[in-house]
Amino acid sequence: MSKNPFVGKWTYRSFLNEPVLNPDPKALLSSLMFGDGTIVIDDGPTELLTGTIGGDGWSLKLRGSRGYGSPSEVRFQGKGVIGGAEWIYAYVGWLVPAWPTSTDTLDRPAIVGSVVRVIPHPGSNGATNPAGVVASFYAVRAD
């Protein structure tokens, strides 16, 4: 296993940044879901980030950078052609520091951050998904 904390497989979920509370948590969750899938970050040069993000029927190639501060940071872009249309998303995230009062079993490594749709693309409902939509994401180490 790589010593690089970002290398590996991550379970990814993103949610729209909606400030309005909804009394029905299940309805709220489904209305806020922006995306979900799996991120795989490849081993490679220390600062370079490559890999993929994808789910059922879609996959984007990742390219970007990693920084090792406090906290460690990733910046990358996901690009691909889905259903004949180009998709481009940009991501920035930070590795959540481990809690000293927890354990490796209870405190899974996680990345939290923000994602933006860079260019518009057709949605599954036939409408156009506009550029500029921002969502928050988290990814939890799956391997």
Protein backbone atom coordinates (compact mmCIF):
# COMPACT_ATOMS: atom_id res chain seq x y z
CA MET A 1 0.00 0.00 0.00
CA SER A 2 1.22 3.50 -0.82
CA LYS A 3 2.34 5.90 1.90
CA ASN A 4 0.43 8.60 0.02
CA PRO A 5 -2.80 9.10 2.06
CA PHE A 6 -4.91 9.82 -1.05
CA VAL A 7 -4.02 6.72 -3.08
CA GLY A 8 -6.75 4.09 -3.17
CA LYS A 9 -10.47 3.60 -3.53
CA TRP A 10 -12.97 6.06 -2.00
CA THR A 11 -16.78 6.00 -1.77
CA TYR A 12 -17.98 9.40 -3.05
CA ARG A 13 -21.19 11.35 -2.34
CA SER A 14 -22.07 14.96 -3.16
CA PHE A 15 -24.98 17.15 -2.14
CA LEU A 16 -26.36 20.47 -3.37
CA ASN A 17 -25.69 23.42 -1.04
CA GLU A 18 -29.32 24.10 -0.11
CA PRO A 19 -29.83 26.16 3.09
CA VAL A 20 -33.57 25.45 3.55
CA LEU A 21 -34.46 22.82 6.15
CA ASN A 22 -37.09 20.22 5.31
CA PRO A 23 -39.05 18.45 8.07
CA ASP A 24 -38.87 15.17 6.09
CA PRO A 25 -35.23 14.00 6.22
CA LYS A 26 -35.68 11.33 3.49
CA ALA A 27 -37.24 13.84 1.07
CA LEU A 28 -34.52 16.35 1.90
CA LEU A 29 -31.75 13.83 1.27
CA SER A 30 -33.09 12.75 -2.12
CA SER A 31 -33.66 16.37 -3.23
CA LEU A 32 -30.10 17.34 -2.28
CA MET A 33 -28.24 14.39 -3.86
CA PHE A 34 -25.89 15.69 -6.58
CA GLY A 35 -23.87 12.56 -7.27
CA ASP A 36 -22.43 9.35 -5.93
CA GLY A 37 -19.89 6.83 -7.09
CA THR A 38 -16.36 5.65 -6.57
CA ILE A 39 -13.11 7.60 -6.76
CA VAL A 40 -9.92 5.66 -7.48
CA ILE A 41 -6.71 7.66 -6.98
CA ASP A 42 -3.62 6.15 -8.58
CA ASP A 43 -0.16 5.97 -7.07
CA GLY A 44 2.31 8.26 -8.80
CA PRO A 45 4.55 11.27 -8.34
CA THR A 46 4.04 12.99 -4.98
CA GLU A 47 2.27 16.12 -6.23
CA LEU A 48 0.35 14.61 -9.19
CA LEU A 49 -3.15 13.21 -8.83
CA THR A 50 -4.56 10.84 -11.46
CA GLY A 51 -7.36 8.33 -11.35
CA THR A 52 -11.06 8.01 -12.08
CA ILE A 53 -14.43 8.90 -10.63
CA GLY A 54 -17.53 7.07 -11.75
CA GLY A 55 -20.73 5.23 -11.09
CA ASP A 56 -23.46 3.42 -13.00
CA GLY A 57 -23.17 4.52 -16.64
CA TRP A 58 -20.51 7.21 -16.19
CA SER A 59 -16.78 7.57 -15.64
CA LEU A 60 -14.45 10.57 -15.69
CA LYS A 61 -10.65 10.64 -15.81
CA LEU A 62 -9.05 12.65 -13.02
CA ARG A 63 -6.01 14.88 -13.28
CA GLY A 64 -4.77 17.37 -10.73
CA SER A 65 -2.52 17.87 -7.76
CA ARG A 66 -2.05 16.95 -4.13
CA GLY A 67 -0.59 19.16 -1.42
CA TYR A 68 0.69 18.07 1.97
CA GLY A 69 -0.11 20.81 4.44
CA SER A 70 -2.30 20.82 7.47
CA PRO A 71 -4.71 19.54 6.30
CA SER A 72 -3.53 17.82 3.11
CA GLU A 73 -5.31 19.04 -0.03
CA VAL A 74 -6.37 17.66 -3.42
CA ARG A 75 -7.37 19.70 -6.49
CA PHE A 76 -8.39 17.88 -9.63
CA GLN A 77 -10.61 17.96 -12.67
CA GLY A 78 -12.77 15.08 -13.90
CA LYS A 79 -13.30 14.89 -17.67
CA GLY A 80 -15.06 12.40 -19.91
CA VAL A 81 -17.66 11.82 -22.59
CA ILE A 82 -20.95 10.45 -21.27
CA GLY A 83 -23.78 9.65 -23.69
CA GLY A 84 -21.97 11.59 -26.42
CA ALA A 85 -21.63 14.78 -24.31
CA GLU A 86 -18.48 16.11 -22.65
CA TRP A 87 -18.60 16.37 -18.86
CA ILE A 88 -16.11 18.44 -16.87
CA TYR A 89 -16.19 18.85 -13.08
CA ALA A 90 -13.61 20.54 -10.83
CA TYR A 91 -12.95 19.41 -7.25
CA VAL A 92 -11.10 20.70 -4.22
CA GLY A 93 -10.92 18.69 -1.00
CA TRP A 94 -9.06 18.22 2.26
CA LEU A 95 -8.10 15.09 4.15
CA VAL A 96 -9.90 15.12 7.50
CA PRO A 97 -7.35 14.78 10.33
CA ALA A 98 -7.62 11.65 12.49
CA TRP A 99 -9.21 12.12 15.92
CA PRO A 100 -6.76 11.25 18.72
CA THR A 101 -9.58 9.89 20.91
CA SER A 102 -10.88 7.43 18.26
CA THR A 103 -9.55 4.23 16.66
CA ASP A 104 -8.59 3.17 13.13
CA THR A 105 -11.80 1.10 12.97
CA LEU A 106 -14.12 3.92 14.07
CA ASP A 107 -12.36 6.86 12.36
CA ARG A 108 -12.29 6.08 8.62
CA PRO A 109 -10.11 8.36 6.47
CA ALA A 110 -12.29 10.91 4.66
CA ILE A 111 -11.89 13.75 2.17
CA VAL A 112 -14.34 16.67 2.36
CA GLY A 113 -14.66 19.43 -0.20
CA SER A 114 -16.50 21.15 -3.00
CA VAL A 115 -17.27 20.32 -6.64
CA VAL A 116 -18.43 22.58 -9.49
CA ARG A 117 -19.85 21.66 -12.90
CA VAL A 118 -17.48 23.44 -15.32
CA ILE A 119 -19.51 23.12 -18.55
CA PRO A 120 -23.19 22.35 -19.19
CA HIS A 121 -24.22 18.86 -20.29
CA PRO A 122 -27.49 17.03 -20.98
CA GLY A 123 -29.18 15.48 -17.97
CA SER A 124 -30.95 12.14 -17.76
CA ASN A 125 -34.33 13.94 -17.88
CA GLY A 126 -33.53 15.59 -21.24
CA ALA A 127 -32.92 19.04 -19.73
CA THR A 128 -29.51 20.72 -19.73
CA ASN A 129 -27.55 20.62 -16.49
CA PRO A 130 -26.06 24.15 -16.28
CA ALA A 131 -22.43 25.05 -15.63
CA GLY A 132 -21.56 26.70 -12.32
CA VAL A 133 -23.62 24.48 -10.01
CA VAL A 134 -21.66 23.91 -6.79
CA ALA A 135 -22.09 21.02 -4.36
CA SER A 136 -20.31 19.78 -1.26
CA PHE A 137 -18.82 16.30 -1.23
CA TYR A 138 -17.26 13.76 1.01
CA ALA A 139 -15.35 10.62 0.15
CA VAL A 140 -14.66 7.80 2.60
CA ARG A 141 -11.78 5.35 2.14
CA ALA A 142 -13.22 2.07 0.87
CA ASP A 143 -10.05 -0.06 0.76
